[in-house]
C-alpha cells in the first residue's frame, strides 16, 4: 500500500503515518518519498533514525516549500532533531546573506 500512497498526490502527513506504522519499508518507497515529499522524508529520518548526510539534509530543506510554518519549517525542525547543527548554521548564513543589503 505504501508505494501507491507515495505515487499518488497523498499529503505528507498521511504518508509519514503510514511509513511509521509499516512493518517494513522498501528502499523504493524511501526513494519515492525523498523525491516527492522532501520535508516528509526529513521528518521520517528524524523519527526513525534513518541516516541522512548533511548535503541531503540541506537539499531537503531547500527543496521544501511553504516558508517557516509550511513544509520548509518541518524540514528545518527535522534537521535540528537529527542534530545537524552545521546544516542549521549554513541555512542561517544563507538567510542572513539573502536579507543583507547588497552594495554595488
N, C-alpha and C. Protein backbone atom coordinates (compact mmCIF):
# COMPACT_ATOMS: atom_id res chain seq x y z
N UNK A 1 0.81 -1.20 0.00
CA UNK A 1 0.00 0.00 0.00
C UNK A 1 0.86 1.27 0.00
N UNK A 2 2.03 1.22 0.63
CA UNK A 2 2.88 2.40 0.68
C UNK A 2 3.28 2.92 -0.69
N UNK A 3 3.70 2.07 -1.63
CA UNK A 3 4.07 2.62 -2.94
C UNK A 3 2.93 3.38 -3.61
N UNK A 4 1.70 2.91 -3.44
CA UNK A 4 0.57 3.59 -4.04
C UNK A 4 0.31 4.94 -3.37
N UNK A 5 0.43 5.00 -2.05
CA UNK A 5 0.25 6.25 -1.34
C UNK A 5 1.25 7.30 -1.79
N UNK A 6 2.50 6.89 -1.92
CA UNK A 6 3.55 7.84 -2.31
C UNK A 6 3.39 8.25 -3.76
N UNK A 7 2.99 7.33 -4.62
CA UNK A 7 2.85 7.62 -6.04
C UNK A 7 1.69 8.58 -6.31
N UNK A 8 0.66 8.51 -5.50
CA UNK A 8 -0.49 9.39 -5.67
C UNK A 8 -0.17 10.75 -5.06
N UNK A 9 -1.06 11.66 -5.17
CA UNK A 9 -0.87 13.00 -4.61
C UNK A 9 -1.33 13.03 -3.15
N UNK A 10 -0.81 12.11 -2.36
CA UNK A 10 -1.19 11.99 -0.96
C UNK A 10 -0.39 12.99 -0.13
N UNK A 11 -1.04 13.60 0.84
CA UNK A 11 -0.36 14.57 1.71
C UNK A 11 0.73 13.89 2.52
N UNK A 12 1.77 14.67 2.82
CA UNK A 12 2.92 14.15 3.53
C UNK A 12 2.60 13.55 4.88
N UNK A 13 1.69 14.17 5.63
CA UNK A 13 1.40 13.66 6.97
C UNK A 13 0.76 12.28 6.91
N UNK A 14 0.00 12.00 5.85
CA UNK A 14 -0.61 10.69 5.70
C UNK A 14 0.47 9.66 5.36
N UNK A 15 1.36 10.04 4.47
CA UNK A 15 2.46 9.15 4.09
C UNK A 15 3.33 8.86 5.30
N UNK A 16 3.64 9.88 6.09
CA UNK A 16 4.51 9.66 7.26
C UNK A 16 3.85 8.74 8.28
N UNK A 17 2.56 8.89 8.51
CA UNK A 17 1.88 7.99 9.45
C UNK A 17 1.91 6.56 8.96
N UNK A 18 1.71 6.39 7.65
CA UNK A 18 1.73 5.04 7.07
C UNK A 18 3.12 4.43 7.18
N UNK A 19 4.16 5.21 6.90
CA UNK A 19 5.53 4.70 6.98
C UNK A 19 5.86 4.33 8.42
N UNK A 20 5.49 5.18 9.37
CA UNK A 20 5.80 4.91 10.77
C UNK A 20 5.07 3.68 11.31
N UNK A 21 3.94 3.35 10.72
CA UNK A 21 3.18 2.18 11.18
C UNK A 21 3.50 0.90 10.41
N UNK A 22 4.22 1.04 9.29
CA UNK A 22 4.52 -0.12 8.46
C UNK A 22 5.54 -1.03 9.13
N UNK A 23 5.38 -2.31 8.92
CA UNK A 23 6.34 -3.27 9.47
C UNK A 23 7.67 -3.17 8.75
N UNK A 24 7.63 -2.98 7.44
CA UNK A 24 8.84 -2.80 6.64
C UNK A 24 8.58 -1.74 5.58
N UNK A 25 9.64 -1.04 5.20
CA UNK A 25 9.57 -0.03 4.15
C UNK A 25 10.69 -0.33 3.16
N UNK A 26 10.33 -0.51 1.92
CA UNK A 26 11.33 -0.84 0.91
C UNK A 26 12.15 0.40 0.55
N UNK A 27 13.32 0.15 0.01
CA UNK A 27 14.19 1.25 -0.43
C UNK A 27 13.52 2.05 -1.54
N UNK A 28 12.73 1.38 -2.35
CA UNK A 28 11.99 2.07 -3.42
C UNK A 28 11.01 3.11 -2.85
N UNK A 29 10.36 2.77 -1.76
CA UNK A 29 9.44 3.71 -1.12
C UNK A 29 10.23 4.89 -0.54
N UNK A 30 11.35 4.61 0.13
CA UNK A 30 12.17 5.70 0.68
C UNK A 30 12.60 6.65 -0.43
N UNK A 31 13.03 6.10 -1.56
CA UNK A 31 13.47 6.93 -2.68
C UNK A 31 12.33 7.78 -3.22
N UNK A 32 11.14 7.22 -3.28
CA UNK A 32 9.97 7.96 -3.77
C UNK A 32 9.59 9.08 -2.82
N UNK A 33 9.64 8.81 -1.52
CA UNK A 33 9.34 9.86 -0.53
C UNK A 33 10.39 10.97 -0.64
N UNK A 34 11.65 10.60 -0.76
CA UNK A 34 12.74 11.58 -0.90
C UNK A 34 12.48 12.49 -2.10
N UNK A 35 12.09 11.91 -3.23
CA UNK A 35 11.89 12.67 -4.45
C UNK A 35 10.63 13.53 -4.44
N UNK A 36 9.54 13.00 -3.89
CA UNK A 36 8.26 13.69 -3.98
C UNK A 36 7.92 14.53 -2.76
N UNK A 37 8.36 14.10 -1.59
CA UNK A 37 7.99 14.77 -0.35
C UNK A 37 9.24 15.00 0.51
N UNK A 38 10.08 15.97 0.14
CA UNK A 38 11.35 16.14 0.84
C UNK A 38 11.20 16.44 2.33
N UNK A 39 10.26 17.25 2.72
CA UNK A 39 10.08 17.56 4.15
C UNK A 39 9.62 16.32 4.91
N UNK A 40 8.75 15.54 4.32
CA UNK A 40 8.29 14.30 4.94
C UNK A 40 9.45 13.33 5.10
N UNK A 41 10.31 13.25 4.09
CA UNK A 41 11.47 12.39 4.18
C UNK A 41 12.37 12.82 5.34
N UNK A 42 12.61 14.12 5.46
CA UNK A 42 13.43 14.63 6.57
C UNK A 42 12.78 14.29 7.91
N UNK A 43 11.48 14.48 8.02
CA UNK A 43 10.74 14.16 9.25
C UNK A 43 10.89 12.68 9.59
N UNK A 44 10.73 11.83 8.58
CA UNK A 44 10.83 10.39 8.82
C UNK A 44 12.25 9.98 9.21
N UNK A 45 13.25 10.62 8.64
CA UNK A 45 14.63 10.35 9.06
C UNK A 45 14.80 10.69 10.53
N UNK A 46 14.27 11.83 10.94
CA UNK A 46 14.38 12.24 12.34
C UNK A 46 13.64 11.28 13.27
N UNK A 47 12.48 10.83 12.86
CA UNK A 47 11.67 9.96 13.72
C UNK A 47 12.17 8.52 13.76
N UNK A 48 12.77 8.04 12.66
CA UNK A 48 13.17 6.63 12.59
C UNK A 48 14.67 6.42 12.80
N UNK A 49 15.44 7.48 12.79
CA UNK A 49 16.89 7.34 12.91
C UNK A 49 17.56 6.97 11.60
N UNK A 50 16.84 7.10 10.51
CA UNK A 50 17.42 6.80 9.19
C UNK A 50 18.53 7.80 8.90
N UNK A 51 19.62 7.32 8.34
CA UNK A 51 20.78 8.14 8.04
C UNK A 51 20.48 9.13 6.91
N UNK A 52 21.00 10.32 7.08
CA UNK A 52 20.84 11.38 6.09
C UNK A 52 22.09 12.25 6.15
N UNK A 53 22.77 12.42 5.03
CA UNK A 53 24.00 13.22 5.04
C UNK A 53 23.66 14.70 5.20
N UNK A 54 24.66 15.49 5.53
CA UNK A 54 24.46 16.93 5.64
C UNK A 54 24.01 17.52 4.31
N UNK A 55 24.61 17.05 3.22
CA UNK A 55 24.25 17.54 1.89
C UNK A 55 22.79 17.21 1.57
N UNK A 56 22.38 15.99 1.90
CA UNK A 56 20.99 15.61 1.67
C UNK A 56 20.05 16.44 2.54
N UNK A 57 20.42 16.64 3.80
CA UNK A 57 19.57 17.43 4.70
C UNK A 57 19.39 18.85 4.18
N UNK A 58 20.47 19.46 3.72
CA UNK A 58 20.39 20.81 3.17
C UNK A 58 19.50 20.83 1.93
N UNK A 59 19.66 19.84 1.06
CA UNK A 59 18.83 19.76 -0.14
C UNK A 59 17.36 19.56 0.22
N UNK A 60 17.08 18.76 1.22
CA UNK A 60 15.69 18.53 1.64
C UNK A 60 15.03 19.82 2.09
N UNK A 61 15.76 20.62 2.86
CA UNK A 61 15.21 21.90 3.32
C UNK A 61 15.00 22.83 2.13
N UNK A 62 16.01 22.92 1.26
CA UNK A 62 15.92 23.84 0.13
C UNK A 62 14.86 23.43 -0.88
N UNK A 63 14.53 22.15 -0.96
CA UNK A 63 13.51 21.67 -1.89
C UNK A 63 12.10 21.72 -1.29
N UNK A 64 12.01 21.97 0.00
CA UNK A 64 10.71 22.04 0.66
C UNK A 64 10.11 23.42 0.45
N UNK A 65 8.79 23.46 0.39
CA UNK A 65 8.08 24.71 0.15
C UNK A 65 7.33 25.14 1.40
N UNK A 66 6.80 26.32 1.36
CA UNK A 66 5.86 26.73 2.38
C UNK A 66 6.41 27.60 3.49
N UNK A 67 7.61 28.11 3.37
CA UNK A 67 8.13 29.01 4.40
C UNK A 67 8.31 28.31 5.72
N UNK A 68 8.48 29.10 6.77
CA UNK A 68 8.80 28.54 8.08
C UNK A 68 7.67 27.68 8.64
N UNK A 69 6.43 28.06 8.44
CA UNK A 69 5.32 27.31 9.02
C UNK A 69 4.82 26.19 8.11
N UNK A 70 5.37 26.08 6.91
CA UNK A 70 4.96 25.03 5.99
C UNK A 70 5.92 23.86 6.01
N UNK A 71 6.05 23.23 4.86
CA UNK A 71 6.93 22.07 4.75
C UNK A 71 8.37 22.42 5.05
N UNK A 72 8.81 23.61 4.68
CA UNK A 72 10.18 24.02 4.96
C UNK A 72 10.44 24.05 6.46
N UNK A 73 9.48 24.53 7.23
CA UNK A 73 9.61 24.53 8.68
C UNK A 73 9.73 23.13 9.25
N UNK A 74 8.99 22.21 8.70
CA UNK A 74 9.07 20.81 9.13
C UNK A 74 10.45 20.25 8.83
N UNK A 75 10.97 20.54 7.65
CA UNK A 75 12.29 20.05 7.27
C UNK A 75 13.37 20.65 8.18
N UNK A 76 13.26 21.93 8.51
CA UNK A 76 14.22 22.57 9.41
C UNK A 76 14.14 21.93 10.80
N UNK A 77 12.94 21.69 11.29
CA UNK A 77 12.77 21.03 12.59
C UNK A 77 13.45 19.66 12.56
N UNK A 78 13.22 18.91 11.48
CA UNK A 78 13.79 17.57 11.38
C UNK A 78 15.31 17.61 11.36
N UNK A 79 15.88 18.58 10.65
CA UNK A 79 17.33 18.73 10.62
C UNK A 79 17.86 18.98 12.03
N UNK A 80 17.16 19.81 12.79
CA UNK A 80 17.55 20.05 14.18
C UNK A 80 17.44 18.80 15.03
N UNK A 81 16.38 18.04 14.85
CA UNK A 81 16.19 16.81 15.61
C UNK A 81 17.27 15.78 15.29
N UNK A 82 17.79 15.82 14.07
CA UNK A 82 18.86 14.90 13.68
C UNK A 82 20.22 15.38 14.18
N UNK A 83 20.25 16.55 14.82
CA UNK A 83 21.50 17.06 15.38
C UNK A 83 22.45 17.62 14.33
N UNK A 84 21.93 18.05 13.22
CA UNK A 84 22.75 18.57 12.13
C UNK A 84 22.92 20.08 12.29
N UNK A 85 23.72 20.45 13.30
CA UNK A 85 23.91 21.86 13.62
C UNK A 85 24.65 22.61 12.53
N UNK A 86 25.57 21.96 11.84
CA UNK A 86 26.28 22.62 10.75
C UNK A 86 25.32 22.99 9.62
N UNK A 87 24.35 22.15 9.37
CA UNK A 87 23.36 22.45 8.34
C UNK A 87 22.51 23.63 8.77
N UNK A 88 22.10 23.66 10.04
CA UNK A 88 21.32 24.80 10.54
C UNK A 88 22.13 26.08 10.46
N UNK A 89 23.40 26.01 10.80
CA UNK A 89 24.27 27.19 10.70
C UNK A 89 24.37 27.66 9.26
N UNK A 90 24.49 26.73 8.32
CA UNK A 90 24.58 27.09 6.92
C UNK A 90 23.27 27.73 6.44
N UNK A 91 22.15 27.19 6.87
CA UNK A 91 20.86 27.77 6.50
C UNK A 91 20.72 29.18 7.04
N UNK A 92 21.16 29.38 8.27
CA UNK A 92 21.10 30.72 8.87
C UNK A 92 21.99 31.69 8.10
N UNK A 93 23.18 31.25 7.74
CA UNK A 93 24.09 32.10 6.99
C UNK A 93 23.50 32.47 5.63
N UNK A 94 22.88 31.50 4.97
CA UNK A 94 22.24 31.77 3.68
C UNK A 94 21.10 32.78 3.84
N UNK A 95 20.34 32.66 4.91
CA UNK A 95 19.24 33.59 5.17
C UNK A 95 19.78 34.99 5.43
N UNK A 96 20.83 35.08 6.22
CA UNK A 96 21.43 36.38 6.51
C UNK A 96 22.00 37.01 5.25
N UNK A 97 22.63 36.21 4.39
CA UNK A 97 23.18 36.73 3.14
C UNK A 97 22.07 37.24 2.23
N UNK A 98 20.96 36.52 2.20
CA UNK A 98 19.84 36.91 1.34
C UNK A 98 19.15 38.18 1.84
N UNK A 99 19.17 38.41 3.14
CA UNK A 99 18.46 39.57 3.68
C UNK A 99 19.34 40.81 3.84
N UNK A 100 20.65 40.65 3.69
CA UNK A 100 21.53 41.81 3.85
C UNK A 100 21.50 42.64 2.57
N UNK A 101 21.59 43.99 2.75
CA UNK A 101 21.57 44.86 1.56
C UNK A 101 22.82 44.65 0.71
N UNK A 102 22.63 44.67 -0.57
CA UNK A 102 23.74 44.47 -1.50
C UNK A 102 24.40 45.83 -1.79
N UNK A 103 25.70 45.82 -1.83
CA UNK A 103 26.43 47.06 -2.20
C UNK A 103 27.04 46.85 -3.57
N UNK A 104 26.88 47.84 -4.41
CA UNK A 104 27.42 47.77 -5.76
C UNK A 104 28.51 48.76 -5.97
